[in-house]
């Protein structure tokens, strides 16, 4: 355990009415913090008195929201990989430019820490525009630290689930289909391995990270402690239901997701092309000097 961070000021959670963000906001409130969800729409999961309407693409609104904040979380933007693939422009705009707007808003304030919700997919070449947007945002945050001294923590969340219905809650969708239609249709082969973590646990760990200064300037991975194949999870659902359940593995359409680990090392290889014949450096410098001299005559 590092140095405990005494937080007495306002905590702003952008994307605070979303799937994971709402868990973080409510746990912060329950812990006695002065926390608020800043988002484009309200949610029944967040008390109206703790909601601030804000679009992260509106820099003026963002500046107003963070002007008196001590801590800022950013959970806002596209969080669904499939939706991100269908909407590349919106994904980059929300996830990258929205993040920059928040960073610009806090740059000249006295916030104690900026906590960014990234993804394990940030280091995976299968995650298309979603992974690219997360990795780009991480690098931009690091540069804000280097140039302006921004204190930050980047949290790479893994596979999150809960009993709360959401577009980003894959496991709930599977359970709902199993209960309502008595079937599970999965586009992969079922051998994919995931380490699921409940949203309550993920939120609690995120708050622990906030409260401990040891995590400043760190990249933290938050996943579950148990590894399951997707097919094992489907079989577990079937056993819990105690009913006939059709499990269909189509084994296609899963190319944008990782199978066993999100971490990949695949550098881009470039070819070096040398002009032949070529202008040597001395000749090139002579040309530059002649051009300067001629232009001054």
Protein backbone atom coordinates (compact mmCIF):
# COMPACT_ATOMS: atom_id res chain seq x y z
CA UNK A 1 0.00 0.00 0.00
CA UNK A 2 1.42 3.37 -1.01
CA UNK A 3 0.66 6.84 0.31
CA UNK A 4 -3.05 7.38 0.81
CA UNK A 5 -4.38 10.30 -1.19
CA UNK A 6 -6.60 12.57 0.90
CA UNK A 7 -9.36 13.71 -1.46
CA UNK A 8 -11.71 16.41 -0.24
CA UNK A 9 -12.70 18.16 -3.48
CA UNK A 10 -15.05 17.45 -6.34
CA UNK A 11 -14.65 14.31 -8.45
CA UNK A 12 -15.91 14.45 -12.03
CA UNK A 13 -16.56 11.21 -13.91
CA UNK A 14 -17.00 11.80 -17.63
CA UNK A 15 -19.12 9.01 -19.07
CA UNK A 16 -20.48 8.62 -15.57
CA UNK A 17 -23.92 7.39 -16.63
CA UNK A 18 -22.45 4.62 -18.76
CA UNK A 19 -22.10 0.95 -17.87
CA UNK A 20 -18.91 1.01 -15.79
CA UNK A 21 -18.87 4.75 -15.09
CA UNK A 22 -22.17 4.57 -13.20
CA UNK A 23 -20.75 1.92 -10.87
CA UNK A 24 -17.75 4.13 -10.15
CA UNK A 25 -19.89 7.21 -9.47
CA UNK A 26 -22.22 5.37 -7.09
CA UNK A 27 -19.39 3.73 -5.18
CA UNK A 28 -17.65 7.11 -4.85
CA UNK A 29 -20.87 8.63 -3.48
CA UNK A 30 -21.34 5.73 -1.06
CA UNK A 31 -17.77 6.23 0.13
CA UNK A 32 -18.57 9.85 0.97
CA UNK A 33 -16.91 11.58 -1.96
CA UNK A 34 -18.33 14.63 -3.71
CA UNK A 35 -18.68 12.79 -7.03
CA UNK A 36 -20.62 13.73 -10.18
CA UNK A 37 -21.43 12.01 -13.46
CA UNK A 38 -20.79 14.23 -16.48
CA UNK A 39 -22.48 12.78 -19.55
CA UNK A 40 -24.74 13.59 -22.48
CA UNK A 41 -27.79 11.85 -21.00
CA UNK A 42 -29.19 11.11 -17.57
CA UNK A 43 -29.55 7.62 -16.13
CA UNK A 44 -31.88 6.05 -13.60
CA UNK A 45 -28.75 4.67 -11.98
CA UNK A 46 -27.43 8.14 -11.05
CA UNK A 47 -29.20 10.57 -8.66
CA UNK A 48 -30.31 13.69 -10.61
CA UNK A 49 -28.47 15.89 -8.12
CA UNK A 50 -25.23 14.13 -9.10
CA UNK A 51 -25.67 14.53 -12.85
CA UNK A 52 -24.04 17.22 -15.00
CA UNK A 53 -25.04 17.38 -18.65
CA UNK A 54 -21.92 17.67 -20.79
CA UNK A 55 -20.78 16.69 -24.27
CA UNK A 56 -17.01 16.05 -24.28
CA UNK A 57 -16.84 17.39 -27.84
CA UNK A 58 -17.92 20.81 -26.52
CA UNK A 59 -14.70 22.24 -25.09
CA UNK A 60 -16.44 25.18 -23.42
CA UNK A 61 -18.77 22.89 -21.47
CA UNK A 62 -15.86 20.64 -20.53
CA UNK A 63 -13.88 23.62 -19.24
CA UNK A 64 -16.77 24.69 -17.04
CA UNK A 65 -17.25 21.19 -15.63
CA UNK A 66 -13.60 20.66 -14.65
CA UNK A 67 -12.88 24.21 -13.45
CA UNK A 68 -13.29 23.31 -9.76
CA UNK A 69 -12.53 19.59 -9.89
CA UNK A 70 -9.86 17.84 -7.83
CA UNK A 71 -10.09 14.48 -9.58
CA UNK A 72 -11.22 13.66 -13.13
CA UNK A 73 -12.11 10.23 -14.51
CA UNK A 74 -12.70 9.69 -18.21
CA UNK A 75 -14.98 6.78 -19.11
CA UNK A 76 -16.62 8.66 -22.00
CA UNK A 77 -16.69 7.69 -25.67
CA UNK A 78 -17.22 4.59 -27.76
CA UNK A 79 -16.74 1.44 -25.69
CA UNK A 80 -18.22 -1.16 -28.02
CA UNK A 81 -15.77 -2.65 -30.49
CA UNK A 82 -18.33 -3.60 -33.13
CA UNK A 83 -19.94 -0.15 -33.06
CA UNK A 84 -16.50 1.42 -33.33
CA UNK A 85 -15.76 -0.56 -36.50
CA UNK A 86 -19.00 0.66 -38.06
CA UNK A 87 -18.29 4.29 -37.07
CA UNK A 88 -14.56 5.01 -37.39
CA UNK A 89 -14.90 8.78 -37.65
CA UNK A 90 -17.15 9.05 -34.60
CA UNK A 91 -14.89 6.69 -32.67
CA UNK A 92 -11.76 8.74 -33.24
CA UNK A 93 -13.66 11.97 -32.63
CA UNK A 94 -15.18 10.87 -29.31
CA UNK A 95 -12.37 8.73 -27.94
CA UNK A 96 -9.39 10.82 -29.05
CA UNK A 97 -10.59 14.39 -29.57
CA UNK A 98 -13.01 14.15 -26.64
CA UNK A 99 -10.13 13.00 -24.48
CA UNK A 100 -7.99 15.92 -25.68
CA UNK A 101 -10.80 18.36 -24.83
CA UNK A 102 -10.83 17.06 -21.26
CA UNK A 103 -7.02 17.17 -21.06
CA UNK A 104 -7.04 20.76 -22.29
CA UNK A 105 -9.71 21.58 -19.75
CA UNK A 106 -7.65 20.25 -16.83
CA UNK A 107 -4.25 21.45 -18.10
CA UNK A 108 -4.37 24.76 -16.25
CA UNK A 109 -6.34 23.57 -13.23
CA UNK A 110 -5.13 22.09 -9.96
CA UNK A 111 -6.48 18.55 -10.37
CA UNK A 112 -4.65 15.93 -8.36
CA UNK A 113 -5.05 13.10 -10.86
CA UNK A 114 -6.49 12.24 -14.25
CA UNK A 115 -7.70 8.65 -14.50
CA UNK A 116 -8.31 7.32 -17.98
CA UNK A 117 -10.40 4.24 -18.72
CA UNK A 118 -8.45 2.45 -21.42
CA UNK A 119 -8.76 -1.15 -22.54
CA UNK A 120 -6.73 -4.33 -22.76
CA UNK A 121 -7.44 -3.98 -26.48
CA UNK A 122 -5.11 -0.96 -26.61
CA UNK A 123 -2.22 -3.33 -27.27
CA UNK A 124 -4.03 -5.57 -29.73
CA UNK A 125 -4.01 -5.20 -33.50
CA UNK A 126 -7.38 -6.93 -33.85
CA UNK A 127 -9.37 -4.20 -32.13
CA UNK A 128 -9.53 -1.94 -35.17
CA UNK A 129 -10.46 1.72 -34.58
CA UNK A 130 -11.43 1.07 -30.96
CA UNK A 131 -7.99 -0.21 -29.98
CA UNK A 132 -6.29 2.50 -32.03
CA UNK A 133 -8.33 5.22 -30.30
CA UNK A 134 -7.44 3.88 -26.85
CA UNK A 135 -3.73 3.55 -27.57
CA UNK A 136 -3.60 7.01 -29.16
CA UNK A 137 -5.33 8.48 -26.10
CA UNK A 138 -2.85 6.75 -23.79
CA UNK A 139 0.11 8.22 -25.67
CA UNK A 140 -1.45 11.69 -25.65
CA UNK A 141 -1.98 11.51 -21.88
CA UNK A 142 1.65 10.48 -21.41
CA UNK A 143 2.71 13.48 -23.47
CA UNK A 144 0.56 15.83 -21.37
CA UNK A 145 2.41 14.50 -18.34
CA UNK A 146 5.76 15.07 -20.04
CA UNK A 147 4.96 18.57 -21.27
CA UNK A 148 2.69 19.90 -18.51
CA UNK A 149 3.27 17.69 -15.48
CA UNK A 150 -0.20 16.13 -15.57
CA UNK A 151 -0.60 13.47 -12.89
CA UNK A 152 -2.39 10.49 -14.36
CA UNK A 153 -3.20 6.81 -14.13
CA UNK A 154 -4.21 4.73 -17.14
CA UNK A 155 -6.47 1.78 -16.30
CA UNK A 156 -6.76 -0.93 -18.93
CA UNK A 157 -10.02 -2.71 -18.19
CA UNK A 158 -10.56 -6.28 -19.33
CA UNK A 159 -13.85 -8.14 -19.79
CA UNK A 160 -16.46 -6.58 -17.51
CA UNK A 161 -19.95 -7.89 -16.77
CA UNK A 162 -22.83 -7.37 -14.34
CA UNK A 163 -26.55 -7.93 -14.00
CA UNK A 164 -27.16 -4.46 -15.47
CA UNK A 165 -28.29 -4.48 -19.10
CA UNK A 166 -26.03 -2.49 -21.40
CA UNK A 167 -24.76 -2.55 -24.98
CA UNK A 168 -21.30 -3.11 -23.53
CA UNK A 169 -22.32 -6.00 -21.28
CA UNK A 170 -21.79 -9.03 -23.52
CA UNK A 171 -22.26 -11.63 -20.81
CA UNK A 172 -25.66 -10.22 -19.80
CA UNK A 173 -26.78 -10.40 -23.44
CA UNK A 174 -25.79 -14.06 -23.52
CA UNK A 175 -27.73 -14.80 -20.33
CA UNK A 176 -30.77 -12.89 -21.60
CA UNK A 177 -30.78 -14.84 -24.86
CA UNK A 178 -30.41 -18.10 -22.94
CA UNK A 179 -33.38 -17.30 -20.70
CA UNK A 180 -35.69 -15.81 -23.33
CA UNK A 181 -34.93 -17.84 -26.46
CA UNK A 182 -33.32 -20.95 -24.95
CA UNK A 183 -30.29 -20.56 -27.17
CA UNK A 184 -26.84 -18.99 -27.24
CA UNK A 185 -25.40 -18.02 -30.61
CA UNK A 186 -21.70 -17.19 -30.51
CA UNK A 187 -19.74 -16.04 -33.60
CA UNK A 188 -16.50 -17.66 -32.42
CA UNK A 189 -15.43 -21.24 -31.70
CA UNK A 190 -15.95 -20.99 -27.95
CA UNK A 191 -12.27 -21.59 -27.20
CA UNK A 192 -11.62 -17.89 -26.58
CA UNK A 193 -10.34 -17.25 -23.06
CA UNK A 194 -11.57 -14.37 -20.92
CA UNK A 195 -10.95 -13.21 -17.35
CA UNK A 196 -14.30 -11.66 -16.47
CA UNK A 197 -14.56 -9.16 -13.64
CA UNK A 198 -17.83 -7.88 -12.19
CA UNK A 199 -18.39 -4.14 -12.67
CA UNK A 200 -18.71 -3.66 -8.89
CA UNK A 201 -15.27 -5.17 -8.36
CA UNK A 202 -13.77 -3.18 -11.24
CA UNK A 203 -15.21 0.05 -9.84
CA UNK A 204 -13.92 -0.75 -6.34
CA UNK A 205 -10.43 -1.39 -7.70
CA UNK A 206 -10.55 1.85 -9.71
CA UNK A 207 -11.32 3.76 -6.52
CA UNK A 208 -8.49 1.97 -4.71
CA UNK A 209 -6.19 3.15 -7.50
CA UNK A 210 -7.47 6.69 -7.05
CA UNK A 211 -6.83 6.64 -3.31
CA UNK A 212 -3.27 5.36 -3.55
CA UNK A 213 -0.52 7.67 -4.84
CA UNK A 214 1.57 4.62 -5.69
CA UNK A 215 -0.44 4.34 -8.90
CA UNK A 216 0.37 7.82 -10.19
CA UNK A 217 1.99 7.61 -13.61
CA UNK A 218 1.18 3.92 -13.90
CA UNK A 219 -0.60 1.71 -16.43
CA UNK A 220 -2.82 -0.72 -14.52
CA UNK A 221 -4.59 -3.79 -15.89
CA UNK A 222 -7.90 -4.74 -14.26
CA UNK A 223 -9.27 -8.19 -15.05
CA UNK A 224 -10.86 -11.07 -13.19
CA UNK A 225 -8.82 -13.64 -11.31
CA UNK A 226 -10.22 -16.71 -13.11
CA UNK A 227 -9.71 -17.71 -16.74
CA UNK A 228 -12.61 -19.30 -18.58
CA UNK A 229 -13.18 -20.44 -22.13
CA UNK A 230 -16.31 -18.89 -23.57
CA UNK A 231 -17.76 -22.37 -24.10
CA UNK A 232 -17.21 -23.16 -20.41
CA UNK A 233 -19.21 -20.08 -19.48
CA UNK A 234 -22.02 -21.11 -21.83
CA UNK A 235 -22.08 -24.58 -20.27
CA UNK A 236 -22.13 -22.99 -16.81
CA UNK A 237 -25.19 -20.92 -17.78
CA UNK A 238 -26.89 -24.05 -19.12
CA UNK A 239 -26.19 -25.94 -15.89
CA UNK A 240 -27.45 -23.08 -13.70
CA UNK A 241 -30.67 -22.80 -15.71
CA UNK A 242 -31.21 -26.54 -15.54
CA UNK A 243 -33.00 -26.41 -18.88
CA UNK A 244 -32.40 -27.49 -22.45
CA UNK A 245 -30.24 -24.86 -24.05
CA UNK A 246 -29.00 -24.75 -27.63
CA UNK A 247 -25.41 -23.54 -27.94
CA UNK A 248 -24.50 -22.62 -31.51
CA UNK A 249 -20.91 -21.76 -32.40
CA UNK A 250 -20.84 -20.24 -35.87
CA UNK A 251 -17.03 -19.91 -35.82
CA UNK A 252 -17.04 -16.85 -38.04
CA UNK A 253 -17.35 -13.12 -37.64
CA UNK A 254 -14.99 -13.01 -34.66
CA UNK A 255 -11.90 -11.76 -36.45
CA UNK A 256 -11.77 -8.47 -34.54
CA UNK A 257 -11.49 -10.10 -31.11
CA UNK A 258 -8.54 -11.81 -29.48
CA UNK A 259 -8.62 -15.51 -28.65
CA UNK A 260 -6.29 -16.10 -25.70
CA UNK A 261 -4.56 -12.84 -24.86
CA UNK A 262 -5.05 -9.20 -25.91
CA UNK A 263 -1.30 -8.56 -25.99
CA UNK A 264 0.48 -8.77 -29.31
CA UNK A 265 3.83 -7.68 -30.62
CA UNK A 266 3.63 -7.13 -34.34
CA UNK A 267 5.85 -4.27 -35.47
CA UNK A 268 5.36 -2.83 -38.91
CA UNK A 269 8.24 -3.75 -41.19
CA UNK A 270 9.49 -1.08 -43.56
CA UNK A 271 11.72 -1.32 -46.61
CA UNK A 272 14.68 0.99 -47.01
CA UNK A 273 15.00 2.45 -50.48
CA UNK A 274 18.20 4.25 -51.50
CA UNK A 275 18.41 6.43 -54.60
CA UNK A 276 21.02 5.27 -57.11
CA UNK A 277 22.53 7.41 -58.42
CA UNK A 278 22.07 10.00 -55.68
CA UNK A 279 23.07 13.54 -54.75
CA UNK A 280 25.69 13.28 -52.02
CA UNK A 281 25.36 15.44 -48.91
CA UNK A 282 28.19 17.78 -49.87
CA UNK A 283 26.65 18.45 -53.27
CA UNK A 284 23.25 18.98 -51.66
CA UNK A 285 24.63 21.47 -49.13
CA UNK A 286 26.40 23.32 -51.94
CA UNK A 287 23.09 23.65 -53.77
CA UNK A 288 21.46 25.04 -50.62
CA UNK A 289 24.26 27.61 -50.16
CA UNK A 290 24.09 28.66 -53.80
CA UNK A 291 20.33 29.09 -53.60
CA UNK A 292 20.59 31.26 -50.48
CA UNK A 293 23.31 33.41 -52.00
CA UNK A 294 21.40 33.83 -55.24
CA UNK A 295 18.26 34.87 -53.38
CA UNK A 296 20.15 37.64 -51.54
CA UNK A 297 21.62 39.20 -54.69
